Amino acid sequence: MTGTETLTVSLFGAVVALTLYITMIASRQNTAAGDFYHGGRGFSGFQNGLAISGDYMSAASFLGISGAIALNGYDGFLYSIGFLVAWLVALLLVAELLRNTGRYTMADVLSYRMRQKPVRTAAATSTVVVSIFYLLAQMAGAGKLVALLIGADSDAAKNLTIVAVGALMIVYVTVGGMRGTTYVQIVKACLLMTGTVIVVFLTLLKFDFNISRMLAEASERDAQEKLGDGFNAAAAEVREFLYLGGGAQYGLTGTTKIDFISLALALVLGTAGLPHILIRFYTVPTAKDARTSVLWAIGIIGSFYLMTLVLGFGAAALLGRNAIIAEDASGNLASPLLAEEVGGGEGSAGGAILLALISAVAFATILAVVAGLTLASSSSFSHDLYANVIKSGNCSEQEEVKVARISAFVIGGVAIVLSLFAQDLNIAFLVALAFAVAASANLPSILLNLFWPRFNTRGATWAIYGGLIVCVGLIIFSPNVSGGPTALFKEHDWSYFPLKNPGIISIPAGFLFGILGTLTSKEPESIAKYRNFEVRALTGAGAEKAAQH
C-alpha cells in the first residue's frame, strides 16, 4: 500500500471512529420512542438546518453532479439548479404544516383525518421504495470511491466496500436513532463545506480567480478532446457544451428536450416528498424552528451547489473528459481527481493529502445520508405498518422501537444486495429517479391532504399507489434499465418508454389518481375534521398528539 493509500485509509478510519463515537454518546440519551424517531424534538433551527444540509448534500451532489457538469456542461448543472430550487417548494408548502400535523412519519399527516390502515400501508410502501432508490446511489458511489483511493480496482473490493457501508449505516440507526444520526449529519455538513471550499479556492487560484477564463478553457478542452484535429473548425459549435445545453444528455432532439423538462420537474418537486427530509421537520420544537431550519438549509445548500459549478468546470478544464472517463465512465470521481490535481498533482504530497481529505469527506457524506434514509424507511415500517396496521395501535413504544431496529437490518440488507448490481450507473441519475418517485407518489398525497378539504382515504391511496406504479413502471421500461450502453441490462432491450426520467408523466398521474379516487369515493365528507386539521397545520396546537386521535 502506497503512502497516499495509507493516508486515505487512516482518514477513512478517523471518520468512521468519530461518527461511531458520536453515535454511542447519543444512544445514551435515547430513553423513549420519541428519542429514536425525532430526537425528542430537541434541535434548534440552526442545528436542524445543518442536519438537513448533511442529509441532503449526498454523494449525488458531491460526486455525481460535479462529474455530470464536467462531462456534459450546462446539462449537468441542471441537477444543481433543480436540487436548490426544490427547497422553495419545501419551505412554502410543506415544512411548517408537516411539522405541525405529524408526529413521526409522513403517514401521520395523511392518516389524521382518514382511515389509518390503508393510508399508512400505502405511505410506508412508498417510503421504502424511495429510500431504496436513494440508497442505491449512495452505496454504489461508496464502492467506486474507495476502490479508487486504496488502489483496489477489483469487483471484490468494491463489493466489500458496499457491504461495509451498509453495515455502518445499520449500526448508526439501530444504536443512535434520530439523535445520533442528526449529530453525524451535522458533523458531515461541516466537513463537506470545509473540504469543498478548500478545493474551490485552489481551483480558482489556478485561473487567477477569473471564472470566465475557467469556463472558456473548460469548453475549449472539451471541444478539443471531442473533435481532435477538427477542433479549430468546429470550436464555436462545441461551445454549446458550456452555454446552450447541447451536451450528451439533453437538447438534441424533440424527445430529449422533453426529457430535459421531465428531469427538471422531478428535481424541483421531489424534495418536498423525500421521506428522509420530511422526518427532519419533526426534530424541532416549534413551527418557527421548522421554517428557520429550512432557511439555514437553503443558504448552506445554495452555497454548496454554486461551488459544484467550479468543481465540474474546473475538472473539465484541468483534467479533461478523457482523464475523468478513464477513471470512471460516469464521471463520479471528478471531484476527488480535481482535488489531487489542484493539490499538486499525482505523486505529490499536497495532491495525496487533498485527495485523501476530500475522499474521506465524501465517505462521511455517504455514511450520513444512508443513515438518514435507513432511519426514515425503518421508522415508517415500524410506526406505520407494524404498530398501526398489524397491531392496530396496540403496541408499546419499546416494542415499536425494537421492530424499527430489526427493519433497519432488513432494509439495509436489501439495499446492499441491490447496490451490488447498480455500480455502473451515474449516481446523480439514480437520485433523480428517487426524486421522480417521491414527486409522483408522496407529494400529490401530501399537498392534496393539506389544501383540499374533500380529499379522503381512497384519494390518498390512489395518489400514492397510482403515482408509484406509473413512475416505477415507466422506469422499468425506460432506456435506463435496458437497451443502452449505460443501461442496467445492456444486452437486452425492452425500452418501450423513450424518456430517461418519467416525471413529466408520473407526477401529473399521481395528482390525477388522487383527484379521481376522491371524487369516485362514497366516503362521507368531514369538513369539521378538516377544519380541526387546518387549525393544527397553521398553529401547531396539539402537534405531539396529531397522530393519536
Protein backbone atom coordinates (compact mmCIF):
# COMPACT_ATOMS: atom_id res chain seq x y z
CA MET A 1 0.00 0.00 0.00
CA THR A 2 1.43 3.39 -1.02
CA GLY A 3 1.76 6.41 1.25
CA THR A 4 -1.29 8.04 -0.34
CA GLU A 5 -3.42 4.96 0.16
CA THR A 6 -2.23 4.61 3.76
CA LEU A 7 -3.16 8.25 4.45
CA THR A 8 -6.55 7.76 2.82
CA VAL A 9 -7.35 4.65 4.80
CA SER A 10 -6.25 6.40 8.01
CA LEU A 11 -8.58 9.32 7.33
CA PHE A 12 -11.42 6.92 6.50
CA GLY A 13 -10.80 5.22 9.81
CA ALA A 14 -10.82 8.55 11.63
CA VAL A 15 -14.17 9.50 10.06
CA VAL A 16 -15.70 6.15 10.96
CA ALA A 17 -14.31 6.30 14.52
CA LEU A 18 -15.63 9.84 15.03
CA THR A 19 -19.11 9.05 13.76
CA LEU A 20 -19.32 5.83 15.78
CA TYR A 21 -18.25 7.71 18.91
CA ILE A 22 -20.95 10.34 18.31
CA THR A 23 -23.50 7.58 17.80
CA MET A 24 -22.57 5.84 21.04
CA ILE A 25 -22.77 9.08 23.04
CA ALA A 26 -26.16 9.92 21.53
CA SER A 27 -27.51 6.44 22.25
CA ARG A 28 -27.22 7.06 25.99
CA GLN A 29 -29.87 9.77 25.70
CA ASN A 30 -32.39 7.54 23.90
CA THR A 31 -34.93 6.60 26.56
CA ALA A 32 -38.25 6.71 24.68
CA ALA A 33 -39.67 6.14 21.21
CA GLY A 34 -39.66 9.88 20.54
CA ASP A 35 -35.89 9.97 21.07
CA PHE A 36 -35.43 7.28 18.43
CA TYR A 37 -37.86 8.81 15.90
CA HIS A 38 -37.30 12.59 16.25
CA GLY A 39 -34.56 13.10 18.83
CA GLY A 40 -37.00 14.40 21.42
CA ARG A 41 -37.72 17.48 19.25
CA GLY A 42 -34.67 18.99 20.92
CA PHE A 43 -32.75 20.51 17.99
CA SER A 44 -32.64 24.23 17.21
CA GLY A 45 -33.46 25.64 13.80
CA PHE A 46 -29.77 26.16 13.03
CA GLN A 47 -28.82 22.63 14.14
CA ASN A 48 -31.61 21.12 12.09
CA GLY A 49 -30.66 23.29 9.11
CA LEU A 50 -27.14 21.88 9.28
CA ALA A 51 -28.52 18.35 9.65
CA ILE A 52 -30.88 18.83 6.69
CA SER A 53 -27.92 20.03 4.64
CA GLY A 54 -25.92 17.00 5.72
CA ASP A 55 -28.83 14.72 4.87
CA TYR A 56 -29.48 16.37 1.51
CA MET A 57 -25.99 17.03 0.12
CA SER A 58 -25.41 13.43 -0.79
CA ALA A 59 -22.92 11.50 -2.87
CA ALA A 60 -25.02 12.55 -5.86
CA SER A 61 -24.23 16.17 -5.07
CA PHE A 62 -20.54 15.85 -4.31
CA LEU A 63 -19.61 13.12 -6.79
CA GLY A 64 -22.41 12.74 -9.33
CA ILE A 65 -23.25 16.39 -10.07
CA SER A 66 -19.66 17.59 -10.37
CA GLY A 67 -19.00 14.68 -12.72
CA ALA A 68 -22.12 15.42 -14.75
CA ILE A 69 -21.02 19.06 -15.14
CA ALA A 70 -17.50 18.03 -16.11
CA LEU A 71 -18.79 15.70 -18.85
CA ASN A 72 -21.98 17.44 -20.00
CA GLY A 73 -21.54 21.12 -19.17
CA TYR A 74 -24.74 23.07 -18.66
CA ASP A 75 -26.86 19.93 -18.78
CA GLY A 76 -25.08 18.61 -15.70
CA PHE A 77 -25.54 21.92 -13.87
CA LEU A 78 -29.30 21.46 -14.18
CA TYR A 79 -29.06 18.98 -11.31
CA SER A 80 -27.66 21.69 -9.03
CA ILE A 81 -30.32 24.18 -10.07
CA GLY A 82 -33.15 21.70 -9.59
CA PHE A 83 -31.95 20.48 -6.19
CA LEU A 84 -31.70 24.07 -4.92
CA VAL A 85 -34.95 25.49 -6.32
CA ALA A 86 -36.77 22.50 -4.84
CA TRP A 87 -36.30 23.93 -1.36
CA LEU A 88 -38.65 26.80 -2.13
CA VAL A 89 -41.46 24.25 -2.58
CA ALA A 90 -40.49 22.57 0.71
CA LEU A 91 -40.33 25.91 2.55
CA LEU A 92 -43.53 27.48 1.25
CA LEU A 93 -45.84 24.47 1.06
CA VAL A 94 -44.64 21.66 3.31
CA ALA A 95 -42.15 22.31 6.15
CA GLU A 96 -44.22 24.18 8.76
CA LEU A 97 -47.53 22.45 8.01
CA LEU A 98 -45.98 19.00 8.11
CA ARG A 99 -44.22 19.64 11.40
CA ASN A 100 -47.48 20.84 12.98
CA THR A 101 -49.68 17.97 11.83
CA GLY A 102 -47.34 14.98 12.04
CA ARG A 103 -45.61 13.11 14.80
CA TYR A 104 -43.03 10.63 13.49
CA THR A 105 -43.65 9.91 9.79
CA MET A 106 -45.32 11.24 6.64
CA ALA A 107 -48.22 8.84 7.19
CA ASP A 108 -49.12 10.61 10.46
CA VAL A 109 -50.12 13.64 8.41
CA LEU A 110 -52.22 11.66 5.94
CA SER A 111 -53.94 9.39 8.44
CA TYR A 112 -55.06 12.15 10.83
CA ARG A 113 -58.37 12.69 9.02
CA MET A 114 -58.55 9.37 7.13
CA ARG A 115 -58.73 5.65 7.78
CA GLN A 116 -55.48 4.52 9.35
CA LYS A 117 -54.64 1.16 7.83
CA PRO A 118 -54.94 1.73 4.05
CA VAL A 119 -53.25 5.13 4.16
CA ARG A 120 -50.39 4.05 6.41
CA THR A 121 -49.78 0.93 4.32
CA ALA A 122 -49.57 3.00 1.13
CA ALA A 123 -47.32 5.66 2.69
CA ALA A 124 -44.95 3.07 4.17
CA THR A 125 -44.68 1.27 0.83
CA SER A 126 -43.79 4.50 -0.98
CA THR A 127 -41.30 5.48 1.71
CA VAL A 128 -39.39 2.22 1.42
CA VAL A 129 -39.30 2.35 -2.41
CA VAL A 130 -37.96 5.94 -2.47
CA SER A 131 -35.39 5.14 0.20
CA ILE A 132 -34.14 2.07 -1.66
CA PHE A 133 -33.59 4.09 -4.87
CA TYR A 134 -31.68 6.73 -2.93
CA LEU A 135 -29.64 4.14 -1.01
CA LEU A 136 -28.53 2.56 -4.29
CA ALA A 137 -26.96 5.85 -5.36
CA GLN A 138 -25.04 6.42 -2.13
CA MET A 139 -23.69 2.91 -1.74
CA ALA A 140 -22.73 2.50 -5.39
CA GLY A 141 -20.74 5.73 -5.06
CA ALA A 142 -19.01 4.41 -1.95
CA GLY A 143 -17.76 1.34 -3.80
CA LYS A 144 -16.24 3.39 -6.62
CA LEU A 145 -14.73 5.96 -4.32
CA VAL A 146 -12.93 3.58 -2.01
CA ALA A 147 -11.74 1.38 -4.87
CA LEU A 148 -10.03 4.40 -6.44
CA LEU A 149 -8.45 5.60 -3.24
CA ILE A 150 -6.94 2.37 -2.00
CA GLY A 151 -5.91 1.27 -5.47
CA ALA A 152 -8.18 -1.78 -5.44
CA ASP A 153 -9.99 -1.87 -8.77
CA SER A 154 -11.34 -5.38 -8.38
CA ASP A 155 -15.05 -6.04 -8.14
CA ALA A 156 -14.44 -7.82 -4.85
CA ALA A 157 -13.02 -4.64 -3.28
CA LYS A 158 -15.97 -2.55 -4.46
CA ASN A 159 -18.44 -5.14 -3.22
CA LEU A 160 -16.72 -5.32 0.16
CA THR A 161 -16.94 -1.52 0.47
CA ILE A 162 -20.67 -1.56 -0.23
CA VAL A 163 -21.19 -4.22 2.42
CA ALA A 164 -19.11 -2.23 4.92
CA VAL A 165 -21.07 0.99 4.28
CA GLY A 166 -24.32 -0.94 4.67
CA ALA A 167 -23.16 -2.41 7.97
CA LEU A 168 -22.15 1.00 9.30
CA MET A 169 -25.48 2.62 8.38
CA ILE A 170 -27.32 -0.17 10.20
CA VAL A 171 -25.20 0.49 13.31
CA TYR A 172 -25.90 4.25 13.18
CA VAL A 173 -29.65 3.74 13.01
CA THR A 174 -30.05 0.86 15.44
CA VAL A 175 -27.76 2.34 18.08
CA GLY A 176 -28.10 6.12 17.72
CA GLY A 177 -31.61 6.60 16.31
CA MET A 178 -32.54 10.09 15.15
CA ARG A 179 -30.37 11.83 17.74
CA GLY A 180 -27.19 10.03 16.73
CA THR A 181 -27.99 10.29 13.02
CA THR A 182 -28.57 14.05 13.35
CA TYR A 183 -25.22 14.71 15.01
CA VAL A 184 -23.46 12.63 12.36
CA GLN A 185 -25.19 14.71 9.67
CA ILE A 186 -24.17 17.97 11.35
CA VAL A 187 -20.52 16.92 11.51
CA LYS A 188 -20.66 15.72 7.91
CA ALA A 189 -22.15 19.02 6.68
CA CYS A 190 -19.31 20.98 8.33
CA LEU A 191 -16.67 18.65 6.87
CA LEU A 192 -18.21 18.76 3.40
CA MET A 193 -18.44 22.54 3.26
CA THR A 194 -14.89 22.94 4.56
CA GLY A 195 -13.43 20.46 2.09
CA THR A 196 -15.36 21.91 -0.84
CA VAL A 197 -14.28 25.48 -0.03
CA ILE A 198 -10.62 24.38 0.03
CA VAL A 199 -10.83 22.67 -3.38
CA VAL A 200 -12.81 25.53 -4.94
CA PHE A 201 -10.30 28.09 -3.63
CA LEU A 202 -7.33 26.16 -5.03
CA THR A 203 -9.13 25.57 -8.34
CA LEU A 204 -9.91 29.25 -8.82
CA LEU A 205 -6.31 30.06 -7.84
CA LYS A 206 -5.21 28.09 -10.90
CA PHE A 207 -7.16 30.57 -13.05
CA ASP A 208 -6.23 33.70 -11.05
CA PHE A 209 -9.83 33.76 -9.77
CA ASN A 210 -11.06 34.51 -13.28
CA ILE A 211 -14.19 32.38 -13.62
CA SER A 212 -14.72 33.38 -17.27
CA ARG A 213 -11.27 32.07 -18.09
CA MET A 214 -12.01 28.79 -16.33
CA LEU A 215 -15.25 28.34 -18.27
CA ALA A 216 -13.60 29.17 -21.59
CA GLU A 217 -10.76 26.71 -21.02
CA ALA A 218 -13.23 24.01 -19.97
CA SER A 219 -15.22 24.49 -23.17
CA GLU A 220 -12.14 24.59 -25.40
CA ARG A 221 -10.58 21.49 -23.84
CA ASP A 222 -13.85 19.60 -24.13
CA ALA A 223 -14.11 20.58 -27.78
CA GLN A 224 -10.53 19.58 -28.49
CA GLU A 225 -10.92 16.14 -26.91
CA LYS A 226 -14.19 15.52 -28.75
CA LEU A 227 -13.07 16.73 -32.18
CA GLY A 228 -9.32 16.08 -32.26
CA ASP A 229 -7.85 17.56 -35.43
CA GLY A 230 -11.12 19.25 -36.32
CA PHE A 231 -11.13 21.34 -33.17
CA ASN A 232 -10.48 24.78 -34.66
CA ALA A 233 -13.11 24.48 -37.37
CA ALA A 234 -15.93 23.45 -35.08
CA ALA A 235 -14.95 25.09 -31.79
CA ALA A 236 -17.81 27.58 -31.95
CA GLU A 237 -20.38 24.81 -32.24
CA VAL A 238 -18.97 22.86 -29.33
CA ARG A 239 -19.28 25.96 -27.13
CA GLU A 240 -22.80 24.61 -26.68
CA PHE A 241 -21.19 22.39 -24.04
CA LEU A 242 -20.99 25.47 -21.87
CA TYR A 243 -23.83 27.75 -22.85
CA LEU A 244 -26.72 26.16 -24.68
CA GLY A 245 -27.42 22.85 -23.02
CA GLY A 246 -26.34 20.90 -26.08
CA GLY A 247 -24.33 18.22 -24.26
CA ALA A 248 -24.66 14.49 -24.45
CA GLN A 249 -27.75 14.16 -22.29
CA TYR A 250 -30.36 16.66 -23.45
CA GLY A 251 -31.22 19.31 -26.00
CA LEU A 252 -30.54 17.36 -29.20
CA THR A 253 -33.94 16.03 -30.32
CA GLY A 254 -37.59 16.54 -29.52
CA THR A 255 -37.57 13.53 -27.19
CA THR A 256 -34.52 14.62 -25.24
CA LYS A 257 -35.89 18.14 -24.84
CA ILE A 258 -38.99 16.66 -23.21
CA ASP A 259 -36.67 14.51 -21.09
CA PHE A 260 -34.90 17.69 -20.00
CA ILE A 261 -38.19 19.17 -18.76
CA SER A 262 -39.15 15.88 -17.12
CA LEU A 263 -35.91 15.80 -15.13
CA ALA A 264 -36.39 19.42 -14.04
CA LEU A 265 -39.91 18.69 -12.77
CA ALA A 266 -38.70 15.68 -10.79
CA LEU A 267 -35.84 17.60 -9.18
CA VAL A 268 -37.89 20.67 -8.26
CA LEU A 269 -40.91 18.79 -6.88
CA GLY A 270 -39.21 15.71 -5.48
CA THR A 271 -37.55 17.25 -2.41
CA ALA A 272 -40.87 18.03 -0.71
CA GLY A 273 -41.76 14.33 -0.95
CA LEU A 274 -38.49 12.73 0.19
CA PRO A 275 -39.20 10.75 3.38
CA HIS A 276 -35.75 11.24 4.95
CA ILE A 277 -36.12 15.02 4.51
CA LEU A 278 -39.73 15.13 5.73
CA ILE A 279 -38.93 13.44 9.06
CA ARG A 280 -36.32 16.10 9.80
CA PHE A 281 -39.11 18.66 10.31
CA TYR A 282 -40.26 16.68 13.37
CA THR A 283 -36.97 17.19 15.21
CA VAL A 284 -37.54 20.86 16.12
CA PRO A 285 -39.71 22.15 19.00
CA THR A 286 -41.75 24.78 17.14
CA ALA A 287 -43.07 25.66 13.68
CA LYS A 288 -40.84 28.74 13.69
CA ASP A 289 -37.82 26.49 14.14
CA ALA A 290 -39.01 24.38 11.20
CA ARG A 291 -39.04 27.48 8.97
CA THR A 292 -35.70 28.62 10.35
CA SER A 293 -34.12 25.25 9.68
CA VAL A 294 -35.23 25.35 6.04
CA LEU A 295 -33.86 28.87 5.61
CA TRP A 296 -30.49 27.79 7.01
CA ALA A 297 -30.58 24.73 4.77
CA ILE A 298 -31.30 26.86 1.68
CA GLY A 299 -28.31 29.10 2.46
CA ILE A 300 -25.89 26.24 3.07
CA ILE A 301 -27.12 24.07 0.22
CA GLY A 302 -27.25 27.02 -2.19
CA SER A 303 -23.64 27.91 -1.44
CA PHE A 304 -22.58 24.33 -1.96
CA TYR A 305 -24.35 23.94 -5.31
CA LEU A 306 -22.78 27.14 -6.60
CA MET A 307 -19.42 25.60 -5.76
CA THR A 308 -20.26 22.46 -7.76
CA LEU A 309 -20.09 24.73 -10.80
CA VAL A 310 -16.40 25.34 -10.06
CA LEU A 311 -15.79 21.67 -9.25
CA GLY A 312 -17.32 20.48 -12.52
CA PHE A 313 -15.94 23.04 -14.94
CA GLY A 314 -12.63 23.13 -13.06
CA ALA A 315 -12.30 19.37 -13.58
CA ALA A 316 -13.21 19.76 -17.26
CA ALA A 317 -10.56 22.46 -17.73
CA LEU A 318 -7.72 20.96 -15.67
CA LEU A 319 -8.25 17.23 -16.22
CA GLY A 320 -10.29 16.88 -19.39
CA ARG A 321 -13.13 14.46 -20.08
CA ASN A 322 -10.82 11.66 -21.21
CA ALA A 323 -8.93 11.54 -17.93
CA ILE A 324 -12.16 11.62 -15.94
CA ILE A 325 -13.81 8.89 -18.03
CA ALA A 326 -10.67 6.76 -17.78
CA GLU A 327 -11.16 6.51 -14.02
CA ASP A 328 -14.94 6.21 -14.11
CA ALA A 329 -17.19 6.23 -17.17
CA SER A 330 -20.00 8.02 -15.32
CA GLY A 331 -17.75 10.85 -14.10
CA ASN A 332 -18.39 10.18 -10.42
CA LEU A 333 -14.72 10.65 -9.48
CA ALA A 334 -14.24 14.11 -10.99
CA SER A 335 -14.15 15.88 -7.60
CA PRO A 336 -11.53 13.63 -5.93
CA LEU A 337 -9.36 13.73 -9.06
CA LEU A 338 -9.66 17.53 -9.18
CA ALA A 339 -8.61 17.71 -5.52
CA GLU A 340 -5.49 15.70 -6.30
CA GLU A 341 -4.70 17.93 -9.29
CA VAL A 342 -5.04 21.28 -7.51
CA GLY A 343 -3.12 19.91 -4.51
CA GLY A 344 -0.04 19.40 -6.66
CA GLY A 345 -0.85 16.54 -8.99
CA GLU A 346 -0.42 12.79 -8.88
CA GLY A 347 2.57 11.71 -6.80
CA SER A 348 2.88 14.99 -4.88
CA ALA A 349 2.46 15.22 -1.12
CA GLY A 350 -0.11 18.01 -1.43
CA GLY A 351 -2.11 16.09 -4.00
CA ALA A 352 -2.07 12.97 -1.87
CA ILE A 353 -3.21 14.85 1.24
CA LEU A 354 -6.01 16.73 -0.52
CA LEU A 355 -7.20 13.63 -2.37
CA ALA A 356 -7.34 11.70 0.90
CA LEU A 357 -9.11 14.56 2.68
CA ILE A 358 -11.77 15.06 0.02
CA SER A 359 -12.32 11.35 -0.30
CA ALA A 360 -12.77 10.98 3.45
CA VAL A 361 -15.29 13.84 3.33
CA ALA A 362 -17.15 12.10 0.50
CA PHE A 363 -17.15 8.89 2.52
CA ALA A 364 -18.60 10.76 5.51
CA THR A 365 -21.21 12.19 3.15
CA ILE A 366 -22.30 8.73 2.11
CA LEU A 367 -22.42 7.42 5.68
CA ALA A 368 -24.59 10.30 6.91
CA VAL A 369 -27.08 10.13 4.04
CA VAL A 370 -27.54 6.35 4.10
CA ALA A 371 -28.16 6.54 7.85
CA GLY A 372 -30.92 9.12 7.32
CA LEU A 373 -32.52 7.06 4.58
CA THR A 374 -32.44 3.86 6.59
CA LEU A 375 -33.91 5.63 9.61
CA ALA A 376 -36.78 7.04 7.54
CA SER A 377 -37.71 3.70 6.00
CA SER A 378 -37.33 1.65 9.18
CA SER A 379 -39.34 4.22 11.16
CA SER A 380 -42.13 4.09 8.61
CA PHE A 381 -42.20 0.30 8.68
CA SER A 382 -42.31 0.03 12.47
CA HIS A 383 -44.55 3.02 13.25
CA ASP A 384 -46.93 2.81 10.29
CA LEU A 385 -47.06 -0.84 9.25
CA TYR A 386 -46.29 -2.72 12.45
CA ALA A 387 -47.69 -0.52 15.23
CA ASN A 388 -50.73 0.98 13.47
CA VAL A 389 -51.64 -1.60 10.80
CA ILE A 390 -50.58 -5.01 12.06
CA LYS A 391 -51.05 -4.25 15.77
CA SER A 392 -53.87 -1.69 15.27
CA GLY A 393 -52.26 0.70 17.75
CA ASN A 394 -51.95 -1.95 20.49
CA CYS A 395 -48.18 -1.84 20.67
CA SER A 396 -45.81 -0.50 23.33
CA GLU A 397 -43.17 2.08 22.43
CA GLN A 398 -40.39 -0.33 23.37
CA GLU A 399 -41.77 -2.99 21.02
CA GLU A 400 -42.16 -0.43 18.25
CA VAL A 401 -38.55 0.73 18.53
CA LYS A 402 -37.36 -2.90 18.60
CA VAL A 403 -39.18 -3.55 15.31
CA ALA A 404 -37.66 -0.38 13.85
CA ARG A 405 -34.18 -1.69 14.61
CA ILE A 406 -34.95 -5.09 13.11
CA SER A 407 -36.38 -3.49 9.97
CA ALA A 408 -33.21 -1.39 9.65
CA PHE A 409 -31.28 -4.64 9.31
CA VAL A 410 -33.67 -5.96 6.66
CA ILE A 411 -33.84 -2.74 4.61
CA GLY A 412 -30.08 -2.32 4.87
CA GLY A 413 -29.58 -5.87 3.62
CA VAL A 414 -31.87 -5.32 0.63
CA ALA A 415 -30.05 -2.08 -0.23
CA ILE A 416 -26.68 -3.83 -0.06
CA VAL A 417 -27.74 -6.60 -2.43
CA LEU A 418 -29.32 -4.22 -4.97
CA SER A 419 -26.34 -1.83 -4.83
CA LEU A 420 -24.02 -4.63 -5.94
CA PHE A 421 -25.83 -4.63 -9.31
CA ALA A 422 -26.07 -0.85 -9.77
CA GLN A 423 -22.44 0.19 -9.60
CA ASP A 424 -22.11 1.25 -13.25
CA LEU A 425 -24.92 3.80 -13.17
CA ASN A 426 -24.33 7.54 -12.62
CA ILE A 427 -25.08 8.48 -9.02
CA ALA A 428 -26.88 11.72 -9.87
CA PHE A 429 -29.13 9.81 -12.29
CA LEU A 430 -30.11 7.28 -9.61
CA VAL A 431 -31.02 10.09 -7.23
CA ALA A 432 -33.06 11.78 -9.97
CA LEU A 433 -35.14 8.60 -10.18
CA ALA A 434 -35.67 8.68 -6.40
CA PHE A 435 -36.87 12.28 -6.75
CA ALA A 436 -39.26 11.25 -9.52
CA VAL A 437 -40.82 8.55 -7.33
CA ALA A 438 -41.11 10.97 -4.38
CA ALA A 439 -42.70 13.66 -6.54
CA SER A 440 -45.10 11.20 -8.17
CA ALA A 441 -46.30 9.25 -5.12
CA ASN A 442 -45.69 11.29 -1.96
CA LEU A 443 -46.07 14.92 -2.99
CA PRO A 444 -49.57 14.67 -4.55
CA SER A 445 -51.00 12.98 -1.46
CA ILE A 446 -49.32 15.47 0.91
CA LEU A 447 -50.45 18.61 -0.95
CA LEU A 448 -53.99 17.39 -1.61
CA ASN A 449 -54.32 16.41 2.04
CA LEU A 450 -53.08 19.77 3.28
CA PHE A 451 -55.12 22.00 0.96
CA TRP A 452 -58.22 20.10 -0.27
CA PRO A 453 -61.00 19.67 2.34
CA ARG A 454 -62.75 16.95 0.31
CA PHE A 455 -59.64 14.74 -0.01
CA ASN A 456 -60.27 11.31 1.52
CA THR A 457 -58.85 7.83 2.09
CA ARG A 458 -59.40 6.48 -1.42
CA GLY A 459 -57.88 9.63 -2.90
CA ALA A 460 -54.77 9.28 -0.72
CA THR A 461 -54.20 5.61 -1.53
CA TRP A 462 -54.88 6.09 -5.24
CA ALA A 463 -52.48 9.04 -5.37
CA ILE A 464 -49.69 7.08 -3.69
CA TYR A 465 -50.13 3.74 -5.44
CA GLY A 466 -51.04 5.30 -8.79
CA GLY A 467 -48.06 7.66 -8.86
CA LEU A 468 -45.75 4.94 -7.56
CA ILE A 469 -46.82 2.26 -10.05
CA VAL A 470 -46.77 4.62 -13.05
CA CYS A 471 -43.35 6.01 -12.10
CA VAL A 472 -41.65 2.69 -11.34
CA GLY A 473 -43.32 1.05 -14.36
CA LEU A 474 -42.03 3.74 -16.72
CA ILE A 475 -38.55 3.45 -15.20
CA ILE A 476 -38.54 -0.32 -15.84
CA PHE A 477 -39.43 0.25 -19.50
CA SER A 478 -37.05 3.21 -19.95
CA PRO A 479 -33.58 3.29 -21.59
CA ASN A 480 -32.06 3.40 -18.09
CA VAL A 481 -32.86 -0.26 -17.47
CA SER A 482 -32.35 -1.86 -20.89
CA GLY A 483 -31.23 -1.23 -24.43
CA GLY A 484 -28.45 1.34 -23.97
CA PRO A 485 -24.70 1.33 -23.34
CA THR A 486 -25.21 2.69 -19.80
CA ALA A 487 -28.33 0.64 -19.02
CA LEU A 488 -28.58 -1.84 -16.20
CA PHE A 489 -29.19 -4.69 -18.69
CA LYS A 490 -27.09 -3.78 -21.72
CA GLU A 491 -27.67 -7.00 -23.65
CA HIS A 492 -31.47 -6.77 -23.59
CA ASP A 493 -33.91 -4.16 -24.84
CA TRP A 494 -37.43 -3.56 -23.56
CA SER A 495 -37.14 0.24 -23.51
CA TYR A 496 -40.63 0.96 -24.84
CA PHE A 497 -40.82 4.29 -22.95
CA PRO A 498 -38.41 6.74 -24.63
CA LEU A 499 -37.70 9.11 -21.70
CA LYS A 500 -34.96 8.56 -19.12
CA ASN A 501 -36.91 10.37 -16.41
CA PRO A 502 -40.66 9.64 -16.09
CA GLY A 503 -41.59 12.73 -14.03
CA ILE A 504 -43.45 14.59 -16.78
CA ILE A 505 -45.92 11.68 -17.00
CA SER A 506 -45.91 10.18 -13.50
CA ILE A 507 -46.19 13.40 -11.45
CA PRO A 508 -49.45 14.59 -13.11
CA ALA A 509 -50.64 10.94 -12.91
CA GLY A 510 -50.21 10.99 -9.13
CA PHE A 511 -52.35 14.12 -8.79
CA LEU A 512 -54.90 12.77 -11.26
CA PHE A 513 -55.27 9.47 -9.40
CA GLY A 514 -55.69 11.37 -6.12
CA ILE A 515 -58.46 13.53 -7.57
CA LEU A 516 -60.26 10.63 -9.30
CA GLY A 517 -60.05 8.47 -6.18
CA THR A 518 -61.56 11.22 -4.06
CA LEU A 519 -64.38 12.06 -6.48
CA THR A 520 -65.40 8.41 -7.01
CA SER A 521 -65.37 7.55 -3.31
CA LYS A 522 -68.59 7.26 -1.29
CA GLU A 523 -66.76 8.05 1.94
CA PRO A 524 -68.72 10.75 3.83
CA GLU A 525 -67.14 14.18 3.65
CA SER A 526 -65.98 15.57 7.01
CA ILE A 527 -65.41 19.31 6.76
CA ALA A 528 -65.28 19.60 10.56
CA LYS A 529 -62.37 17.20 10.75
CA TYR A 530 -60.54 19.11 8.03
CA ARG A 531 -61.07 22.39 9.90
CA ASN A 532 -59.56 20.85 13.02
CA PHE A 533 -56.68 19.56 10.92
CA GLU A 534 -56.27 23.02 9.36
CA VAL A 535 -56.00 24.66 12.78
CA ARG A 536 -53.28 22.20 13.76
CA ALA A 537 -51.43 22.84 10.49
CA LEU A 538 -51.47 26.63 10.88
CA THR A 539 -50.94 26.94 14.63
CA GLY A 540 -49.19 23.77 15.76
CA ALA A 541 -51.75 23.24 18.52
CA GLY A 542 -51.53 19.65 19.76
CA ALA A 543 -48.74 18.75 17.35
CA GLU A 544 -47.42 15.97 19.59
CA LYS A 545 -50.84 14.31 19.63
CA ALA A 546 -51.65 14.80 15.96
CA ALA A 547 -51.22 11.11 15.26
CA GLN A 548 -53.10 9.93 18.32
CA HIS A 549 -56.66 10.95 17.54
